[in-house]
Amino acid sequence: MTSKKKNKLPTTEEFLQYKPKRLDFEWFTNEEGLVGLKVPKFKSKHGKYFCKIIKKDNAFTANMDKLGSLVWMNCNEKNTVKQILETIKKEFPDEEKIDQRLFVFIQQMKNLNYLDY
């Protein structure tokens, strides 16, 4: 019998207590304060070698908008999701459904293995 607890989604209150952390990616902020994240295309030796042969960079840059940039910079393993939500609510007071956007963004970043918690 498999455990249902393993696949159980966290409650909103549980999720708000998570402390997301950025994984080991090179990132930068541009002159506008927006984050660019250097993401490797390939992790295998073969993929890296292929990029070298065709003289292409083995990374692409994922450019974030203002909201994503602010969230990324606050995912430092110290701030809870609740604290990040409070920060972005102050910065974007007129943004609708900002809590939902934050939850989806963090979950997407985790699914892409850019963040962990």
C-alpha atoms as a PDB file:
ATOM      1  CA  MET A   1       0.000   0.000   0.000  1.00  0.00           C
ATOM      2  CA  THR A   2       1.443   3.378  -0.942  1.00  0.00           C
ATOM      3  CA  SER A   3       1.410   6.267   1.432  1.00  0.00           C
ATOM      4  CA  LYS A   4      -0.969   9.077   0.508  1.00  0.00           C
ATOM      5  CA  LYS A   5       0.927  11.426   2.794  1.00  0.00           C
ATOM      6  CA  LYS A   6       3.911  11.462   0.418  1.00  0.00           C
ATOM      7  CA  ASN A   7       1.866  13.050  -2.404  1.00  0.00           C
ATOM      8  CA  LYS A   8      -0.243  15.242  -0.149  1.00  0.00           C
ATOM      9  CA  LEU A   9      -0.143  18.897  -1.113  1.00  0.00           C
ATOM     10  CA  PRO A  10       0.702  21.316   1.680  1.00  0.00           C
ATOM     11  CA  THR A  11      -2.022  23.483   3.126  1.00  0.00           C
ATOM     12  CA  THR A  12      -1.779  27.220   2.521  1.00  0.00           C
ATOM     13  CA  GLU A  13      -0.576  27.694   6.098  1.00  0.00           C
ATOM     14  CA  GLU A  14       2.113  25.023   5.668  1.00  0.00           C
ATOM     15  CA  PHE A  15       3.247  26.539   2.362  1.00  0.00           C
ATOM     16  CA  LEU A  16       3.477  30.013   3.926  1.00  0.00           C
ATOM     17  CA  GLN A  17       6.022  28.628   6.421  1.00  0.00           C
ATOM     18  CA  TYR A  18       8.363  27.221   3.741  1.00  0.00           C
ATOM     19  CA  LYS A  19      11.717  28.968   3.339  1.00  0.00           C
ATOM     20  CA  PRO A  20      12.588  28.824  -0.360  1.00  0.00           C
ATOM     21  CA  LYS A  21      16.243  28.944  -1.345  1.00  0.00           C
ATOM     22  CA  ARG A  22      17.870  29.586  -4.675  1.00  0.00           C
ATOM     23  CA  LEU A  23      19.798  26.643  -6.055  1.00  0.00           C
ATOM     24  CA  ASP A  24      23.310  26.982  -7.413  1.00  0.00           C
ATOM     25  CA  PHE A  25      22.753  29.064 -10.545  1.00  0.00           C
ATOM     26  CA  GLU A  26      24.713  32.042 -11.755  1.00  0.00           C
ATOM     27  CA  TRP A  27      22.441  35.092 -11.722  1.00  0.00           C
ATOM     28  CA  PHE A  28      22.729  38.839 -12.049  1.00  0.00           C
ATOM     29  CA  THR A  29      20.668  42.000 -11.952  1.00  0.00           C
ATOM     30  CA  ASN A  30      20.621  44.358 -14.910  1.00  0.00           C
ATOM     31  CA  GLU A  31      20.616  48.167 -14.761  1.00  0.00           C
ATOM     32  CA  GLU A  32      16.842  48.111 -14.178  1.00  0.00           C
ATOM     33  CA  GLY A  33      17.224  45.760 -11.196  1.00  0.00           C
ATOM     34  CA  LEU A  34      15.711  42.797 -13.039  1.00  0.00           C
ATOM     35  CA  VAL A  35      17.177  39.337 -12.491  1.00  0.00           C
ATOM     36  CA  GLY A  36      18.712  37.257 -15.249  1.00  0.00           C
ATOM     37  CA  LEU A  37      19.324  33.618 -14.433  1.00  0.00           C
ATOM     38  CA  LYS A  38      21.963  31.629 -16.354  1.00  0.00           C
ATOM     39  CA  VAL A  39      20.517  28.152 -16.865  1.00  0.00           C
ATOM     40  CA  PRO A  40      22.606  25.305 -18.293  1.00  0.00           C
ATOM     41  CA  LYS A  41      21.137  23.658 -21.389  1.00  0.00           C
ATOM     42  CA  PHE A  42      22.950  20.386 -20.734  1.00  0.00           C
ATOM     43  CA  LYS A  43      24.387  18.791 -17.617  1.00  0.00           C
ATOM     44  CA  SER A  44      25.828  15.690 -19.269  1.00  0.00           C
ATOM     45  CA  LYS A  45      29.350  15.518 -20.645  1.00  0.00           C
ATOM     46  CA  HIS A  46      27.936  14.729 -24.093  1.00  0.00           C
ATOM     47  CA  GLY A  47      25.678  17.777 -24.127  1.00  0.00           C
ATOM     48  CA  LYS A  48      28.441  20.079 -22.930  1.00  0.00           C
ATOM     49  CA  TYR A  49      30.814  18.620 -25.520  1.00  0.00           C
ATOM     50  CA  PHE A  50      28.218  19.101 -28.265  1.00  0.00           C
ATOM     51  CA  CYS A  51      27.878  22.801 -27.367  1.00  0.00           C
ATOM     52  CA  LYS A  52      31.639  23.152 -27.436  1.00  0.00           C
ATOM     53  CA  ILE A  53      31.858  21.561 -30.900  1.00  0.00           C
ATOM     54  CA  ILE A  54      29.204  23.844 -32.390  1.00  0.00           C
ATOM     55  CA  LYS A  55      30.686  26.814 -30.535  1.00  0.00           C
ATOM     56  CA  LYS A  56      27.498  27.638 -28.656  1.00  0.00           C
ATOM     57  CA  ASP A  57      27.098  28.588 -25.028  1.00  0.00           C
ATOM     58  CA  ASN A  58      25.817  25.779 -22.826  1.00  0.00           C
ATOM     59  CA  ALA A  59      23.485  28.177 -21.013  1.00  0.00           C
ATOM     60  CA  PHE A  60      20.546  30.392 -21.730  1.00  0.00           C
ATOM     61  CA  THR A  61      19.407  33.405 -19.748  1.00  0.00           C
ATOM     62  CA  ALA A  62      15.987  33.347 -18.122  1.00  0.00           C
ATOM     63  CA  ASN A  63      14.957  36.992 -17.691  1.00  0.00           C
ATOM     64  CA  MET A  64      12.524  37.746 -14.888  1.00  0.00           C
ATOM     65  CA  ASP A  65      10.029  40.561 -14.593  1.00  0.00           C
ATOM     66  CA  LYS A  66       9.877  42.925 -11.590  1.00  0.00           C
ATOM     67  CA  LEU A  67       7.750  40.579  -9.503  1.00  0.00           C
ATOM     68  CA  GLY A  68       9.821  37.481 -10.296  1.00  0.00           C
ATOM     69  CA  SER A  69      13.050  39.385  -9.636  1.00  0.00           C
ATOM     70  CA  LEU A  70      11.858  40.548  -6.227  1.00  0.00           C
ATOM     71  CA  VAL A  71      10.752  37.030  -5.311  1.00  0.00           C
ATOM     72  CA  TRP A  72      14.047  35.501  -6.542  1.00  0.00           C
ATOM     73  CA  MET A  73      16.143  37.923  -4.500  1.00  0.00           C
ATOM     74  CA  ASN A  74      14.100  37.091  -1.394  1.00  0.00           C
ATOM     75  CA  CYS A  75      14.425  33.307  -1.772  1.00  0.00           C
ATOM     76  CA  ASN A  76      17.455  33.168   0.490  1.00  0.00           C
ATOM     77  CA  GLU A  77      16.472  30.308   2.828  1.00  0.00           C
ATOM     78  CA  LYS A  78      15.844  32.901   5.569  1.00  0.00           C
ATOM     79  CA  ASN A  79      12.548  34.411   4.418  1.00  0.00           C
ATOM     80  CA  THR A  80       9.364  32.394   4.637  1.00  0.00           C
ATOM     81  CA  VAL A  81       6.868  32.430   1.784  1.00  0.00           C
ATOM     82  CA  LYS A  82       4.656  34.509   4.105  1.00  0.00           C
ATOM     83  CA  GLN A  83       7.421  37.139   4.525  1.00  0.00           C
ATOM     84  CA  ILE A  84       8.025  37.192   0.764  1.00  0.00           C
ATOM     85  CA  LEU A  85       4.283  37.655   0.208  1.00  0.00           C
ATOM     86  CA  GLU A  86       4.236  40.610   2.627  1.00  0.00           C
ATOM     87  CA  THR A  87       7.211  42.162   0.793  1.00  0.00           C
ATOM     88  CA  ILE A  88       5.650  41.865  -2.651  1.00  0.00           C
ATOM     89  CA  LYS A  89       2.268  43.122  -1.422  1.00  0.00           C
ATOM     90  CA  LYS A  90       4.016  46.326  -0.279  1.00  0.00           C
ATOM     91  CA  GLU A  91       5.883  46.670  -3.593  1.00  0.00           C
ATOM     92  CA  PHE A  92       2.867  45.806  -5.780  1.00  0.00           C
ATOM     93  CA  PRO A  93      -0.181  47.054  -3.808  1.00  0.00           C
ATOM     94  CA  ASP A  94      -2.516  47.122  -6.828  1.00  0.00           C
ATOM     95  CA  GLU A  95      -1.610  43.682  -8.178  1.00  0.00           C
ATOM     96  CA  GLU A  96      -4.579  41.300  -8.230  1.00  0.00           C
ATOM     97  CA  LYS A  97      -4.281  37.729  -6.919  1.00  0.00           C
ATOM     98  CA  ILE A  98      -0.650  38.331  -5.976  1.00  0.00           C
ATOM     99  CA  ASP A  99      -0.702  35.481  -3.462  1.00  0.00           C
ATOM    100  CA  GLN A 100      -1.739  33.023  -6.183  1.00  0.00           C
ATOM    101  CA  ARG A 101       0.902  34.388  -8.551  1.00  0.00           C
ATOM    102  CA  LEU A 102       3.550  33.988  -5.862  1.00  0.00           C
ATOM    103  CA  PHE A 103       2.527  30.409  -5.041  1.00  0.00           C
ATOM    104  CA  VAL A 104       2.503  29.395  -8.715  1.00  0.00           C
ATOM    105  CA  PHE A 105       5.845  31.108  -9.379  1.00  0.00           C
ATOM    106  CA  ILE A 106       7.564  29.409  -6.441  1.00  0.00           C
ATOM    107  CA  GLN A 107       6.115  26.034  -7.393  1.00  0.00           C
ATOM    108  CA  GLN A 108       7.204  26.457 -11.027  1.00  0.00           C
ATOM    109  CA  MET A 109      10.708  27.439  -9.937  1.00  0.00           C
ATOM    110  CA  LYS A 110      10.842  24.344  -7.730  1.00  0.00           C
ATOM    111  CA  ASN A 111       9.589  22.111 -10.550  1.00  0.00           C
ATOM    112  CA  LEU A 112      12.345  23.521 -12.805  1.00  0.00           C
ATOM    113  CA  ASN A 113      14.885  22.824 -10.018  1.00  0.00           C
ATOM    114  CA  TYR A 114      15.785  26.514  -9.676  1.00  0.00           C
ATOM    115  CA  LEU A 115      14.518  26.682  -6.066  1.00  0.00           C
ATOM    116  CA  ASP A 116      14.102  24.298  -3.183  1.00  0.00           C
ATOM    117  CA  TYR A 117      12.441  24.491   0.231  1.00  0.00           C
END
